[in-house]
Amino acid sequence: MPDLDYRKELARMLLSEGRDEFDLLADVVPETLPAAARLTADLGIRFPAGMAPVPKPLDPRPNPENPLPRADVLVVTWTVAENNGLADVLTPGYGRQAWYFYRRRFDQHYRPIIREGAPSLAAGRLGSWFPTSVGQSSVICFKSELHLNQDGKFLNADGTPADQKTGYATLPVKDLLLQLIDEVRPKLVITTGTSGGVALDQDLGDVVITRGAKFRLADEFAQEPFNAMNRPGPQYTSDWQVPQTYFGAARDLMNQFAPNLVEPDFGPPTKRYDFPGPLLRARPNVPDIHLDGTGWMPRFHPILTTDFFEFGTSNNHLDREGCAVEMGDAVLGLACSELANPPRWLVVRNISDPQINGDLPNQPKRLDMQALWAVWYYEKYGYWTSVTGALACWAVIAGLS
């Protein structure tokens, strides 16, 4: 078992990476920001005729305390890199700093159940959002400031403080998802972002699309009945037919970004290793889309959601359990399982770090070369793989029209 405290710390670092002073403002007027902060990158994406995303800015700027408007599709993402990739694809011209802040019920409901030091408390909000459309479908894109890994606070049943042995861990992000679904009333909810690959042949920039999710929890949620790590537990599914009409177009668009997914030549860090060279070259990465129930993925092959920074290795065989590993999506499955009439839901996850060599050291007390490489891959390729993930989201939404 890896050093959980260290892996927890890594998870929190990665989930907050890329935040700047503008992310910590209580509200923001886009016109006062530097142009680079409010505009998206021009990626030169040539969408099929009539299917390019069309942002729908609002005037006046909505009050952060207001409920979100209705839309056909709700897309939820989590980190700065993921937010930037989603904005560059689905809200072109309106970068994350131009998105609208959202803090409905933050002080009344959420603040008391969020731990001290959580990013949402520093930002003073639940997230940010922007409306757009694809074809005939209206879309709300939402970046959450809440995370499974970030917010848990141990409380007794009466709401008084407790410790991990006697209390339960709060799960504010589940409440947020239920609140968003209630306000937006979407026909489809998509959670999207980066993930760790679990199979050797998963390329950087590949995207797994699945209607299944389950938890693999080892820390504050280890004893919860929804945990499926090392014991039977629920798997959540959303049984509907995912449209594949635009998958071919999305693959073509994704492959335009393959030059941004080239891994460097590699050798030992010093000449003290008996390695004659030359430097090793990685196989090329060719981004592709993999849908559950097709190809190598069994029907409802789940995303694996953890409460620490976990990743697939050549030794832990997580590919037998799921299609990729990340830190949040099964909360959507849990939330929808509590609704009498849940919307359809889908997980769209891009591979930002490949299956890691399980023979590398991962000893406790931070001699963890496996985690070092997984973090490096995310920091290097998190944004560009998020672009491919956003293009897969576009393909699904376009297929709804």
Protein backbone atom coordinates (compact mmCIF):
# COMPACT_ATOMS: atom_id res chain seq x y z
CA MET A 1 0.00 0.00 0.00
CA PRO A 2 1.42 3.44 -0.88
CA ASP A 3 2.05 6.18 1.68
CA LEU A 4 -1.52 7.50 1.95
CA ASP A 5 -0.61 10.78 3.65
CA TYR A 6 1.87 11.55 0.86
CA ARG A 7 -0.54 10.53 -1.89
CA LYS A 8 -3.30 12.62 -0.27
CA GLU A 9 -0.97 15.61 -0.24
CA LEU A 10 -0.14 15.05 -3.92
CA ALA A 11 -3.83 14.85 -4.80
CA ARG A 12 -4.56 18.15 -3.12
CA MET A 13 -1.58 19.77 -4.81
CA LEU A 14 -2.67 18.62 -8.27
CA LEU A 15 -6.32 19.57 -7.74
CA SER A 16 -5.24 23.12 -6.87
CA GLU A 17 -2.43 23.47 -9.41
CA GLY A 18 -2.59 26.46 -11.72
CA ARG A 19 -4.74 28.68 -9.48
CA ASP A 20 -3.72 32.33 -9.52
CA GLU A 21 -4.74 35.55 -7.77
CA PHE A 22 -7.76 35.98 -10.02
CA ASP A 23 -9.12 32.59 -8.95
CA LEU A 24 -9.24 33.83 -5.35
CA LEU A 25 -11.35 36.91 -6.05
CA ALA A 26 -14.86 37.02 -4.61
CA ASP A 27 -16.09 38.15 -8.02
CA VAL A 28 -14.46 39.50 -11.13
CA VAL A 29 -15.25 41.95 -13.92
CA PRO A 30 -13.69 40.40 -17.05
CA GLU A 31 -12.96 43.78 -18.62
CA THR A 32 -10.58 44.59 -15.75
CA LEU A 33 -8.52 41.44 -16.30
CA PRO A 34 -5.48 41.15 -18.58
CA ALA A 35 -6.49 39.90 -22.02
CA ALA A 36 -4.57 36.67 -21.51
CA ALA A 37 -6.63 35.93 -18.41
CA ARG A 38 -10.05 36.29 -20.03
CA LEU A 39 -9.46 34.91 -23.52
CA THR A 40 -9.02 31.32 -24.63
CA ALA A 41 -6.27 29.89 -26.78
CA ASP A 42 -7.04 29.81 -30.49
CA LEU A 43 -6.58 26.12 -31.23
CA GLY A 44 -7.68 26.39 -34.85
CA ILE A 45 -10.26 23.61 -34.47
CA ARG A 46 -12.32 23.11 -37.64
CA PHE A 47 -15.58 21.64 -36.45
CA PRO A 48 -18.06 20.16 -38.93
CA ALA A 49 -20.37 22.78 -40.47
CA GLY A 50 -23.03 23.97 -38.08
CA MET A 51 -21.63 22.03 -35.12
CA ALA A 52 -19.04 24.43 -33.70
CA PRO A 53 -19.67 25.40 -30.06
CA VAL A 54 -21.31 28.83 -29.74
CA PRO A 55 -20.74 30.58 -26.37
CA LYS A 56 -23.76 32.42 -24.94
CA PRO A 57 -22.49 35.30 -22.76
CA LEU A 58 -25.03 36.92 -20.45
CA ASP A 59 -25.66 40.63 -19.96
CA PRO A 60 -25.81 41.63 -17.19
CA ARG A 61 -23.34 39.32 -15.52
CA PRO A 62 -25.38 36.97 -13.29
CA ASN A 63 -25.34 37.26 -9.51
CA PRO A 64 -23.21 34.45 -7.98
CA GLU A 65 -26.10 33.71 -5.57
CA ASN A 66 -28.55 33.02 -8.41
CA PRO A 67 -29.52 29.49 -9.45
CA LEU A 68 -28.15 28.26 -12.75
CA PRO A 69 -30.39 28.44 -15.83
CA ARG A 70 -31.96 25.39 -17.44
CA ALA A 71 -29.99 23.57 -20.15
CA ASP A 72 -30.04 20.29 -22.05
CA VAL A 73 -26.55 19.25 -20.94
CA LEU A 74 -24.48 19.93 -17.82
CA VAL A 75 -20.71 19.39 -18.15
CA VAL A 76 -18.71 19.37 -14.89
CA THR A 77 -14.93 19.54 -14.64
CA TRP A 78 -12.52 19.96 -11.74
CA THR A 79 -9.01 21.41 -12.16
CA VAL A 80 -7.47 24.49 -13.76
CA ALA A 81 -5.89 22.49 -16.61
CA GLU A 82 -9.21 20.75 -17.27
CA ASN A 83 -11.08 24.08 -17.06
CA ASN A 84 -8.70 25.68 -19.56
CA GLY A 85 -9.05 22.79 -22.00
CA LEU A 86 -12.84 22.79 -21.72
CA ALA A 87 -13.02 26.57 -22.22
CA ASP A 88 -10.72 26.50 -25.25
CA VAL A 89 -12.95 23.91 -26.93
CA LEU A 90 -16.52 24.61 -25.73
CA THR A 91 -16.51 28.34 -24.81
CA PRO A 92 -13.96 29.75 -27.31
CA GLY A 93 -13.16 33.39 -26.63
CA TYR A 94 -14.26 33.11 -23.00
CA GLY A 95 -11.47 31.75 -20.81
CA ARG A 96 -11.99 30.49 -17.29
CA GLN A 97 -11.54 33.97 -15.80
CA ALA A 98 -14.49 35.19 -17.89
CA TRP A 99 -16.77 32.45 -16.54
CA TYR A 100 -19.42 33.41 -14.01
CA PHE A 101 -18.91 32.69 -10.31
CA TYR A 102 -21.39 30.48 -8.46
CA ARG A 103 -21.86 30.43 -4.68
CA ARG A 104 -25.54 29.62 -4.14
CA ARG A 105 -26.10 28.42 -0.52
CA PHE A 106 -22.35 28.51 0.04
CA ASP A 107 -22.47 30.25 3.42
CA GLN A 108 -25.67 28.67 4.66
CA HIS A 109 -25.13 25.03 3.72
CA TYR A 110 -21.61 24.31 2.48
CA ARG A 111 -19.22 26.33 4.63
CA PRO A 112 -20.08 24.43 7.86
CA ILE A 113 -19.35 21.05 6.26
CA ILE A 114 -16.06 21.92 4.51
CA ARG A 115 -12.70 21.43 6.24
CA GLU A 116 -10.43 24.34 6.99
CA GLY A 117 -7.88 24.94 4.23
CA ALA A 118 -10.08 23.64 1.40
CA PRO A 119 -9.75 25.57 -1.91
CA SER A 120 -13.44 26.46 -1.99
CA LEU A 121 -13.11 28.36 1.31
CA ALA A 122 -10.18 30.34 -0.07
CA ALA A 123 -12.13 31.15 -3.23
CA GLY A 124 -15.38 31.75 -1.36
CA ARG A 125 -17.52 29.94 -3.91
CA LEU A 126 -18.67 26.56 -5.20
CA GLY A 127 -17.48 26.98 -8.76
CA SER A 128 -17.76 28.92 -11.99
CA TRP A 129 -19.79 28.40 -15.14
CA PHE A 130 -20.54 29.52 -18.66
CA PRO A 131 -23.38 28.78 -21.10
CA THR A 132 -22.73 27.56 -24.63
CA SER A 133 -24.45 25.46 -27.28
CA VAL A 134 -23.55 22.65 -29.66
CA GLY A 135 -25.95 22.06 -32.51
CA GLN A 136 -29.46 22.14 -31.03
CA SER A 137 -28.29 21.40 -27.47
CA SER A 138 -27.92 24.08 -24.81
CA VAL A 139 -24.99 23.44 -22.47
CA ILE A 140 -23.83 24.67 -19.06
CA CYS A 141 -20.09 24.16 -18.52
CA PHE A 142 -19.22 24.12 -14.80
CA LYS A 143 -15.86 24.11 -13.00
CA SER A 144 -16.23 22.80 -9.44
CA GLU A 145 -14.24 24.15 -6.50
CA LEU A 146 -15.39 21.15 -4.46
CA HIS A 147 -13.68 17.77 -4.69
CA LEU A 148 -14.03 14.38 -3.05
CA ASN A 149 -10.39 14.60 -1.98
CA GLN A 150 -10.39 18.20 -0.74
CA ASP A 151 -13.37 18.94 1.44
CA GLY A 152 -14.21 16.15 3.87
CA LYS A 153 -14.74 17.20 7.48
CA PHE A 154 -15.36 14.71 10.29
CA LEU A 155 -18.62 15.34 12.12
CA ASN A 156 -20.91 13.53 14.51
CA ALA A 157 -24.50 12.84 13.55
CA ASP A 158 -25.56 16.02 15.38
CA GLY A 159 -23.09 18.15 13.35
CA THR A 160 -20.53 18.60 16.11
CA PRO A 161 -16.81 18.04 15.34
CA ALA A 162 -15.54 14.46 15.50
CA ASP A 163 -12.43 12.46 14.63
CA GLN A 164 -11.98 9.84 11.94
CA LYS A 165 -12.66 6.96 14.33
CA THR A 166 -15.94 8.23 15.76
CA GLY A 167 -17.40 10.50 13.09
CA TYR A 168 -18.29 10.46 9.42
CA ALA A 169 -16.68 12.42 6.59
CA THR A 170 -18.85 14.99 4.86
CA LEU A 171 -19.18 14.88 1.08
CA PRO A 172 -20.10 18.43 0.00
CA VAL A 173 -19.46 17.73 -3.68
CA LYS A 174 -22.37 15.27 -3.73
CA ASP A 175 -24.66 18.02 -2.42
CA LEU A 176 -23.32 20.35 -5.12
CA LEU A 177 -24.06 17.88 -7.91
CA LEU A 178 -27.60 17.35 -6.62
CA GLN A 179 -28.07 21.13 -6.44
CA LEU A 180 -26.81 21.66 -9.99
CA ILE A 181 -29.04 18.90 -11.35
CA ASP A 182 -32.05 20.39 -9.57
CA GLU A 183 -31.40 23.84 -11.05
CA VAL A 184 -30.26 22.98 -14.58
CA ARG A 185 -32.68 20.04 -15.07
CA PRO A 186 -30.36 18.55 -17.71
CA LYS A 187 -31.21 15.60 -19.88
CA LEU A 188 -27.55 14.56 -19.63
CA VAL A 189 -24.79 15.20 -17.07
CA ILE A 190 -21.16 14.69 -18.11
CA THR A 191 -18.22 14.71 -15.70
CA THR A 192 -14.93 15.16 -17.48
CA GLY A 193 -11.23 15.67 -16.83
CA THR A 194 -7.84 14.02 -16.54
CA SER A 195 -7.23 10.46 -15.37
CA GLY A 196 -4.55 7.84 -14.93
CA GLY A 197 -4.27 5.14 -17.54
CA VAL A 198 -4.64 1.57 -16.33
CA ALA A 199 -3.62 -0.37 -19.48
CA LEU A 200 -0.28 -0.33 -21.25
CA ASP A 201 -1.83 0.42 -24.65
CA GLN A 202 -3.72 3.51 -23.44
CA ASP A 203 -2.02 6.49 -25.11
CA LEU A 204 -1.67 9.97 -23.69
CA GLY A 205 -4.70 11.86 -24.97
CA ASP A 206 -6.87 8.76 -25.29
CA VAL A 207 -10.37 9.32 -23.95
CA VAL A 208 -12.44 6.70 -22.14
CA ILE A 209 -16.20 7.21 -22.17
CA THR A 210 -18.20 5.12 -19.75
CA ARG A 211 -21.65 4.82 -18.25
CA GLY A 212 -20.23 3.11 -15.17
CA ALA A 213 -18.43 4.24 -12.00
CA LYS A 214 -17.34 2.82 -8.67
CA PHE A 215 -15.35 3.94 -5.63
CA ARG A 216 -11.92 2.63 -4.51
CA LEU A 217 -11.47 4.48 -1.22
CA ALA A 218 -8.71 4.02 1.35
CA ASP A 219 -8.82 7.11 3.55
CA GLU A 220 -11.67 9.10 5.12
CA PHE A 221 -14.36 7.26 3.15
CA ALA A 222 -12.90 3.77 3.56
CA GLN A 223 -15.73 2.52 5.79
CA GLU A 224 -18.58 4.02 3.79
CA PRO A 225 -21.05 1.48 2.34
CA PHE A 226 -20.48 2.85 -1.17
CA ASN A 227 -16.77 1.89 -1.06
CA ALA A 228 -15.90 -1.04 -3.33
CA MET A 229 -12.17 -1.32 -2.51
CA ASN A 230 -11.17 -4.74 -1.15
CA ARG A 231 -14.81 -5.71 -0.55
CA PRO A 232 -18.11 -5.88 -2.44
CA GLY A 233 -19.60 -2.48 -3.10
CA PRO A 234 -22.01 -0.83 -5.51
CA GLN A 235 -21.20 -0.01 -9.10
CA TYR A 236 -23.25 2.85 -10.51
CA THR A 237 -24.51 2.71 -14.07
CA SER A 238 -26.53 4.89 -16.44
CA ASP A 239 -28.19 2.70 -19.05
CA TRP A 240 -28.69 4.64 -22.29
CA GLN A 241 -27.31 4.61 -25.82
CA VAL A 242 -24.39 7.01 -26.30
CA PRO A 243 -24.50 8.59 -29.78
CA GLN A 244 -21.35 7.94 -31.82
CA THR A 245 -22.21 9.99 -34.91
CA TYR A 246 -19.38 12.50 -34.41
CA PHE A 247 -16.76 10.19 -32.89
CA GLY A 248 -14.91 9.94 -36.21
CA ALA A 249 -14.78 13.72 -36.57
CA ALA A 250 -13.61 14.04 -32.98
CA ARG A 251 -10.81 11.53 -33.54
CA ASP A 252 -9.60 13.54 -36.52
CA LEU A 253 -9.63 16.73 -34.47
CA MET A 254 -7.91 15.06 -31.52
CA ASN A 255 -5.10 13.75 -33.70
CA GLN A 256 -4.21 17.30 -34.71
CA PHE A 257 -2.84 17.65 -31.17
CA ALA A 258 -0.69 14.50 -31.22
CA PRO A 259 2.48 16.66 -31.66
CA ASN A 260 1.73 18.09 -28.20
CA LEU A 261 1.70 14.61 -26.69
CA VAL A 262 5.22 13.47 -27.59
CA GLU A 263 7.12 11.96 -24.68
CA PRO A 264 10.80 12.94 -24.38
CA ASP A 265 13.68 10.59 -25.00
CA PHE A 266 14.64 8.96 -21.71
CA GLY A 267 17.70 7.68 -19.88
CA PRO A 268 18.94 7.32 -16.29
CA PRO A 269 19.28 10.61 -14.39
CA THR A 270 23.04 10.24 -13.91
CA LYS A 271 25.94 8.42 -15.57
CA ARG A 272 26.38 6.42 -12.36
CA TYR A 273 23.95 3.92 -13.85
CA ASP A 274 25.50 1.24 -16.04
CA PHE A 275 23.49 2.23 -19.08
CA PRO A 276 25.34 2.37 -22.42
CA GLY A 277 22.61 4.34 -24.24
CA PRO A 278 21.42 5.67 -26.59
CA LEU A 279 18.40 7.35 -25.00
CA LEU A 280 15.16 5.41 -25.20
CA ARG A 281 12.23 6.61 -27.28
CA ALA A 282 8.60 6.14 -26.32
CA ARG A 283 5.98 4.80 -28.67
CA PRO A 284 3.99 7.56 -30.45
CA ASN A 285 0.75 8.67 -28.81
CA VAL A 286 -2.28 8.59 -31.12
CA PRO A 287 -5.34 9.92 -29.23
CA ASP A 288 -8.46 7.80 -29.61
CA ILE A 289 -11.93 7.42 -28.10
CA HIS A 290 -12.90 4.26 -26.22
CA LEU A 291 -16.57 3.75 -25.30
CA ASP A 292 -17.73 1.15 -22.81
CA GLY A 293 -19.38 -1.81 -24.48
CA THR A 294 -17.20 -1.48 -27.59
CA GLY A 295 -13.71 -2.72 -28.44
CA TRP A 296 -11.70 -3.73 -25.38
CA MET A 297 -14.07 -2.09 -22.85
CA PRO A 298 -16.83 -4.29 -21.38
CA ARG A 299 -20.29 -2.80 -21.05
CA PHE A 300 -20.37 -0.29 -18.15
CA HIS A 301 -16.63 -0.83 -17.49
CA PRO A 302 -16.39 1.70 -14.65
CA ILE A 303 -14.27 4.71 -13.95
CA LEU A 304 -12.43 4.13 -10.65
CA THR A 305 -12.75 6.97 -8.13
CA THR A 306 -10.25 7.22 -5.27
CA ASP A 307 -9.80 9.51 -2.26
CA PHE A 308 -6.03 9.73 -2.76
CA PHE A 309 -3.69 10.09 -5.74
CA GLU A 310 -3.83 6.62 -7.28
CA PHE A 311 -2.78 5.54 -10.76
CA GLY A 312 -2.53 2.39 -12.83
CA THR A 313 0.72 0.44 -12.84
CA SER A 314 2.00 -2.64 -14.60
CA ASN A 315 1.65 -4.49 -11.28
CA ASN A 316 -1.67 -3.37 -9.76
CA HIS A 317 -3.81 -4.49 -12.74
CA LEU A 318 -6.46 -1.82 -12.29
CA ASP A 319 -7.52 -2.42 -15.90
CA ARG A 320 -9.30 -5.52 -14.62
CA GLU A 321 -11.47 -3.32 -12.40
CA GLY A 322 -12.06 -0.25 -14.55
CA CYS A 323 -11.11 1.87 -17.53
CA ALA A 324 -9.13 4.66 -15.77
CA VAL A 325 -8.60 6.10 -12.29
CA GLU A 326 -9.44 9.60 -11.01
CA MET A 327 -10.84 11.41 -7.94
CA GLY A 328 -14.48 12.37 -8.27
CA ASP A 329 -16.76 10.89 -10.93
CA ALA A 330 -18.38 8.10 -8.89
CA VAL A 331 -19.88 10.85 -6.73
CA LEU A 332 -22.14 11.63 -9.69
CA GLY A 333 -23.27 8.01 -9.81
CA LEU A 334 -23.90 8.08 -6.04
CA ALA A 335 -25.84 11.35 -6.30
CA CYS A 336 -28.00 10.11 -9.17
CA SER A 337 -28.72 6.87 -7.30
CA GLU A 338 -30.51 9.00 -4.69
CA LEU A 339 -32.87 10.63 -7.21
CA ALA A 340 -36.27 9.24 -8.13
CA ASN A 341 -35.87 10.40 -11.74
CA PRO A 342 -32.16 10.86 -12.39
CA PRO A 343 -30.83 12.32 -15.62
CA ARG A 344 -28.69 10.25 -17.94
CA TRP A 345 -25.05 10.60 -17.00
CA LEU A 346 -21.68 9.88 -18.55
CA VAL A 347 -18.01 9.96 -17.59
CA VAL A 348 -15.57 11.32 -20.19
CA ARG A 349 -11.97 11.02 -18.99
CA ASN A 350 -8.77 11.73 -20.91
CA ILE A 351 -5.56 9.85 -20.15
CA SER A 352 -3.12 12.44 -18.79
CA ASP A 353 -0.66 9.95 -17.30
CA PRO A 354 -0.03 6.49 -18.72
CA GLN A 355 0.20 3.18 -16.93
CA ILE A 356 3.28 3.56 -14.70
CA ASN A 357 6.11 1.02 -14.43
CA GLY A 358 5.17 -0.99 -11.34
CA ASP A 359 8.77 -2.14 -10.82
CA LEU A 360 9.84 1.38 -9.79
CA PRO A 361 10.09 2.02 -6.03
CA ASN A 362 6.93 3.17 -4.27
CA GLN A 363 8.04 2.69 -0.70
CA PRO A 364 6.42 4.62 2.14
CA LYS A 365 7.96 7.81 3.51
CA ARG A 366 8.06 9.38 0.04
CA LEU A 367 10.54 7.19 -1.80
CA ASP A 368 7.84 6.94 -4.43
CA MET A 369 9.29 7.06 -7.95
CA GLN A 370 6.00 5.83 -9.37
CA ALA A 371 4.14 8.88 -8.02
CA LEU A 372 6.96 11.16 -9.19
CA TRP A 373 6.46 10.04 -12.78
CA ALA A 374 2.66 10.13 -12.59
CA VAL A 375 2.78 13.72 -11.30
CA TRP A 376 5.30 14.72 -13.99
CA TYR A 377 3.07 13.36 -16.74
CA TYR A 378 0.04 15.21 -15.39
CA GLU A 379 1.91 18.50 -15.08
CA LYS A 380 3.36 18.14 -18.58
CA TYR A 381 0.33 16.83 -20.47
CA GLY A 382 -2.70 17.74 -18.32
CA TYR A 383 -3.82 20.63 -20.50
CA TRP A 384 -3.32 19.04 -23.93
CA THR A 385 -5.02 15.83 -22.89
CA SER A 386 -7.87 17.95 -21.48
CA VAL A 387 -8.29 19.40 -24.97
CA THR A 388 -8.79 15.90 -26.39
CA GLY A 389 -11.22 15.12 -23.56
CA ALA A 390 -13.21 18.27 -24.32
CA LEU A 391 -13.37 17.28 -27.98
CA ALA A 392 -14.83 13.92 -26.94
CA CYS A 393 -17.43 15.79 -24.86
CA TRP A 394 -18.23 17.87 -27.93
CA ALA A 395 -18.71 14.69 -29.98
CA VAL A 396 -21.21 13.26 -27.49
CA ILE A 397 -23.19 16.51 -27.26
CA ALA A 398 -23.14 16.99 -31.05
CA GLY A 399 -24.57 13.50 -31.43
CA LEU A 400 -27.60 14.47 -29.34
CA SER A 401 -28.79 16.93 -32.00
